[in-house]
Amino acid sequence: MAETVLTNIEDRRTPAAGWQGIAADWSSDQRAFKNVSWGKAMMWIFLLSDTFIFGCFLLSYMTARMSTTVPWPNPSEVFALTIAGQKIPLILIAIMTFVLISSSGTMAMAVNFGYRRDRRKTAVLMLVTAAFGATFVGMQAFEWTKLIMEGVRPWGNPWGAEQFGSCFFMITGFHGTHVTIGVIFLIIIARKVWRGDFETERRGFFTSRKGNYEIVEITGLYWHFVDLVWVFIFAFFYLW
């Protein structure tokens, strides 16, 4: 009898091969992601859906640009800044890109120190990341203000194709909203880390199990995704 029970347990633990194994994995409901927590799995699903949205925006932009019969504005001229009497193309965009890429480094270090349970360094690095993100949003607000003052609107602009304004405000605005949400989320989690909510198991939103800093990594996934999307926006919108 005991041998039969052991055999049944071993059969259950041995994964099926081929298509039967794949079907068994995906039909196992909450254990489909065997070694991944629900929080991390849900973030990956959200990021996948967001990838489709940003992809549609960029594809629409490329379609509009290639199909228009009116010349498309030159980004080097539109996004140039005059400094000391010299017009420098894309200088603000280059600084914005540097700031956002740097924030990925500080976020990665925050995740590293989070799993070491060094809450002080984790909180500080998350706040530094939030400061980088806020700086990026501030520079983007300056860029929007400058272009609006120069006559750029969603329905037209003084440099050429009318679709330029709508594409610019839609794509950069949607991305800027993501960065703003990320900054708010970083500040909330950094505050919880700083006061030791993950050590005392204090009740509240986004508070994980005692000693578990996984929420820091989940926040990092979102932030790295926002940074990666900006690389594509920078390449397609500003360099093309």
Protein backbone atom coordinates (compact mmCIF):
# COMPACT_ATOMS: atom_id res chain seq x y z
CA MET A 1 0.00 0.00 0.00
CA ALA A 2 2.84 2.36 0.96
CA GLU A 3 4.65 1.57 -2.30
CA THR A 4 1.51 2.46 -4.28
CA VAL A 5 1.22 5.82 -2.52
CA LEU A 6 4.89 6.63 -3.16
CA THR A 7 4.50 5.66 -6.81
CA ASN A 8 1.50 7.97 -7.19
CA ILE A 9 3.39 10.87 -5.60
CA GLU A 10 6.38 10.33 -7.89
CA ASP A 11 4.07 10.21 -10.92
CA ARG A 12 2.58 13.54 -9.90
CA ARG A 13 6.00 15.14 -9.47
CA THR A 14 7.35 13.86 -12.80
CA PRO A 15 6.43 16.41 -15.50
CA ALA A 16 4.82 15.11 -18.65
CA ALA A 17 6.82 15.37 -21.86
CA GLY A 18 6.00 17.23 -25.06
CA TRP A 19 2.68 18.97 -25.65
CA GLN A 20 1.10 17.21 -22.67
CA GLY A 21 3.69 18.85 -20.41
CA ILE A 22 2.99 22.29 -21.86
CA ALA A 23 -0.77 21.82 -21.46
CA ALA A 24 -0.27 20.61 -17.87
CA ASP A 25 1.86 23.64 -17.01
CA TRP A 26 -0.57 26.19 -18.41
CA SER A 27 -3.63 24.47 -16.95
CA SER A 28 -2.19 24.47 -13.43
CA ASP A 29 -3.90 27.84 -12.77
CA GLN A 30 -2.14 29.77 -10.01
CA ARG A 31 1.01 27.66 -10.37
CA ALA A 32 1.51 28.43 -14.07
CA PHE A 33 4.49 30.59 -13.06
CA LYS A 34 6.05 28.04 -10.73
CA ASN A 35 8.77 30.16 -9.16
CA VAL A 36 7.33 33.63 -9.74
CA SER A 37 5.25 35.54 -7.22
CA TRP A 38 1.85 36.92 -8.19
CA GLY A 39 3.06 40.50 -7.87
CA LYS A 40 5.93 39.98 -10.30
CA ALA A 41 3.80 37.98 -12.73
CA MET A 42 1.12 40.67 -12.80
CA MET A 43 3.72 43.36 -13.42
CA TRP A 44 5.11 41.40 -16.38
CA ILE A 45 1.59 41.00 -17.80
CA PHE A 46 0.96 44.74 -17.37
CA LEU A 47 4.25 45.59 -19.07
CA LEU A 48 3.41 43.26 -21.95
CA SER A 49 0.08 45.03 -22.50
CA ASP A 50 1.82 48.41 -22.26
CA THR A 51 4.33 47.27 -24.86
CA PHE A 52 1.48 46.74 -27.32
CA ILE A 53 0.17 50.26 -26.65
CA PHE A 54 3.52 51.96 -27.13
CA GLY A 55 4.15 49.78 -30.17
CA CYS A 56 0.86 50.92 -31.72
CA PHE A 57 1.75 54.55 -31.04
CA LEU A 58 5.15 54.25 -32.68
CA LEU A 59 3.76 52.32 -35.65
CA SER A 60 1.09 54.99 -36.11
CA TYR A 61 3.78 57.67 -35.97
CA MET A 62 5.88 55.91 -38.61
CA THR A 63 2.82 55.40 -40.82
CA ALA A 64 1.85 59.07 -40.57
CA ARG A 65 5.38 60.21 -41.29
CA MET A 66 5.89 57.98 -44.32
CA SER A 67 2.46 58.63 -45.82
CA THR A 68 2.36 62.42 -45.57
CA THR A 69 3.03 64.40 -48.74
CA VAL A 70 4.10 67.48 -46.76
CA PRO A 71 7.75 67.59 -45.62
CA TRP A 72 8.23 66.38 -42.05
CA PRO A 73 9.86 68.88 -39.64
CA ASN A 74 13.58 68.36 -39.05
CA PRO A 75 14.03 67.27 -35.38
CA SER A 76 17.51 68.80 -35.24
CA GLU A 77 15.99 72.19 -35.92
CA VAL A 78 12.75 71.82 -33.97
CA PHE A 79 14.42 70.54 -30.81
CA ALA A 80 17.44 72.83 -30.88
CA LEU A 81 18.28 75.19 -28.01
CA THR A 82 20.10 78.50 -28.31
CA ILE A 83 22.93 78.66 -25.76
CA ALA A 84 25.43 81.56 -25.75
CA GLY A 85 24.20 82.61 -29.16
CA GLN A 86 24.78 79.15 -30.64
CA LYS A 87 21.97 76.87 -31.76
CA ILE A 88 22.71 73.37 -30.42
CA PRO A 89 20.52 70.59 -31.88
CA LEU A 90 18.96 68.00 -29.56
CA ILE A 91 20.98 69.13 -26.54
CA LEU A 92 17.98 69.03 -24.20
CA ILE A 93 16.90 65.61 -25.51
CA ALA A 94 20.44 64.27 -24.97
CA ILE A 95 20.43 65.48 -21.35
CA MET A 96 16.97 64.00 -20.77
CA THR A 97 18.14 60.65 -22.15
CA PHE A 98 21.27 60.70 -19.99
CA VAL A 99 19.21 61.46 -16.87
CA LEU A 100 16.72 58.67 -17.52
CA ILE A 101 19.39 56.08 -18.35
CA SER A 102 21.29 57.05 -15.19
CA SER A 103 18.13 56.47 -13.17
CA SER A 104 18.12 52.85 -14.35
CA GLY A 105 21.53 52.41 -12.72
CA THR A 106 20.40 53.81 -9.37
CA MET A 107 17.24 51.69 -9.52
CA ALA A 108 19.28 48.54 -10.15
CA MET A 109 21.45 49.34 -7.14
CA ALA A 110 18.33 49.94 -5.03
CA VAL A 111 17.05 46.45 -5.91
CA ASN A 112 20.44 44.97 -5.05
CA PHE A 113 20.55 46.61 -1.62
CA GLY A 114 16.89 45.71 -1.09
CA TYR A 115 17.64 42.01 -1.30
CA ARG A 116 20.53 42.58 1.10
CA ARG A 117 17.96 44.14 3.46
CA ASP A 118 19.94 47.37 3.66
CA ARG A 119 16.89 49.59 3.94
CA ARG A 120 18.73 52.90 4.30
CA LYS A 121 20.70 52.56 1.07
CA THR A 122 17.68 51.10 -0.71
CA ALA A 123 15.47 54.04 0.27
CA VAL A 124 18.12 56.63 -0.62
CA LEU A 125 18.76 55.09 -4.04
CA MET A 126 15.03 54.93 -4.76
CA LEU A 127 14.70 58.60 -3.85
CA VAL A 128 17.65 59.43 -6.12
CA THR A 129 15.91 57.50 -8.90
CA ALA A 130 12.72 59.47 -8.22
CA ALA A 131 14.72 62.71 -8.36
CA PHE A 132 16.12 61.71 -11.77
CA GLY A 133 12.60 60.92 -12.95
CA ALA A 134 11.23 64.24 -11.67
CA THR A 135 14.10 66.04 -13.42
CA PHE A 136 13.20 64.28 -16.66
CA VAL A 137 9.53 65.29 -16.33
CA GLY A 138 10.56 68.88 -15.57
CA MET A 139 12.72 69.05 -18.69
CA GLN A 140 9.90 67.54 -20.72
CA ALA A 141 7.55 70.22 -19.40
CA PHE A 142 10.10 72.85 -20.49
CA GLU A 143 10.27 71.22 -23.94
CA TRP A 144 6.48 71.26 -24.27
CA THR A 145 6.29 74.89 -23.16
CA LYS A 146 8.96 75.93 -25.65
CA LEU A 147 7.22 74.20 -28.58
CA ILE A 148 3.79 75.53 -27.63
CA MET A 149 5.22 79.05 -27.48
CA GLU A 150 6.66 78.48 -30.96
CA GLY A 151 3.24 77.54 -32.33
CA VAL A 152 3.17 73.74 -32.19
CA ARG A 153 -0.36 72.38 -31.73
CA PRO A 154 -1.92 68.91 -32.09
CA TRP A 155 -3.53 70.14 -35.33
CA GLY A 156 -0.54 71.94 -36.84
CA ASN A 157 2.91 73.49 -36.55
CA PRO A 158 4.93 76.16 -38.38
CA TRP A 159 7.54 73.73 -39.77
CA GLY A 160 5.63 71.33 -42.03
CA ALA A 161 3.39 68.29 -41.69
CA GLU A 162 0.43 68.91 -39.42
CA GLN A 163 0.59 65.39 -37.95
CA PHE A 164 3.85 66.26 -36.22
CA GLY A 165 2.18 68.05 -33.30
CA SER A 166 -0.37 65.33 -32.56
CA CYS A 167 2.26 62.57 -32.74
CA PHE A 168 4.64 64.51 -30.51
CA PHE A 169 2.15 65.36 -27.77
CA MET A 170 0.53 61.91 -27.80
CA ILE A 171 3.71 59.83 -27.61
CA THR A 172 5.81 61.99 -25.27
CA GLY A 173 2.77 62.81 -23.13
CA PHE A 174 1.87 59.16 -22.66
CA HIS A 175 5.45 58.32 -21.76
CA GLY A 176 5.74 61.33 -19.44
CA THR A 177 2.61 60.14 -17.62
CA HIS A 178 4.27 56.78 -17.04
CA VAL A 179 7.38 58.47 -15.65
CA THR A 180 5.27 60.65 -13.34
CA ILE A 181 3.39 57.60 -12.00
CA GLY A 182 6.73 55.85 -11.51
CA VAL A 183 8.12 58.78 -9.52
CA ILE A 184 5.09 58.78 -7.21
CA PHE A 185 5.33 55.02 -6.75
CA LEU A 186 9.07 55.23 -6.02
CA ILE A 187 8.51 57.84 -3.31
CA ILE A 188 5.75 55.75 -1.68
CA ILE A 189 7.87 52.58 -1.60
CA ALA A 190 11.01 54.45 -0.51
CA ARG A 191 9.09 55.89 2.44
CA LYS A 192 7.92 52.43 3.46
CA VAL A 193 11.45 51.04 3.16
CA TRP A 194 12.96 53.94 5.13
CA ARG A 195 10.64 53.56 8.12
CA GLY A 196 11.05 49.77 8.15
CA ASP A 197 7.58 48.63 7.12
CA PHE A 198 9.03 45.48 5.54
CA GLU A 199 10.82 44.57 8.76
CA THR A 200 7.96 45.23 11.19
CA GLU A 201 5.30 43.85 8.82
CA ARG A 202 3.33 47.06 9.25
CA ARG A 203 -0.11 47.07 7.66
CA GLY A 204 -0.64 49.12 4.52
CA PHE A 205 -0.68 49.15 0.74
CA PHE A 206 2.23 47.42 -1.06
CA THR A 207 3.64 46.05 2.21
CA SER A 208 5.12 42.61 1.59
CA ARG A 209 5.79 39.80 4.03
CA LYS A 210 8.29 40.43 6.79
CA GLY A 211 11.82 40.79 5.46
CA ASN A 212 10.65 40.58 1.82
CA TYR A 213 11.71 43.50 -0.40
CA GLU A 214 10.29 42.05 -3.61
CA ILE A 215 8.13 45.14 -4.14
CA VAL A 216 11.37 47.06 -4.76
CA GLU A 217 12.21 44.70 -7.62
CA ILE A 218 8.68 44.98 -9.01
CA THR A 219 9.01 48.77 -8.97
CA GLY A 220 12.36 48.36 -10.72
CA LEU A 221 10.76 46.29 -13.49
CA TYR A 222 8.33 49.10 -14.19
CA TRP A 223 11.06 51.74 -14.12
CA HIS A 224 13.40 49.85 -16.45
CA PHE A 225 10.51 49.37 -18.86
CA VAL A 226 9.84 53.13 -18.90
CA ASP A 227 13.53 53.76 -19.60
CA LEU A 228 13.59 51.20 -22.40
CA VAL A 229 10.54 52.72 -24.06
CA TRP A 230 12.25 56.12 -24.05
CA VAL A 231 15.19 54.64 -25.98
CA PHE A 232 12.79 53.68 -28.79
CA ILE A 233 11.04 57.06 -28.68
CA PHE A 234 14.42 58.79 -28.80
CA ALA A 235 15.53 56.69 -31.78
CA PHE A 236 12.33 56.90 -33.83
CA PHE A 237 11.11 60.40 -33.01
CA TYR A 238 14.22 62.49 -32.40
CA LEU A 239 16.93 60.80 -34.50
CA TRP A 240 14.92 59.71 -37.56
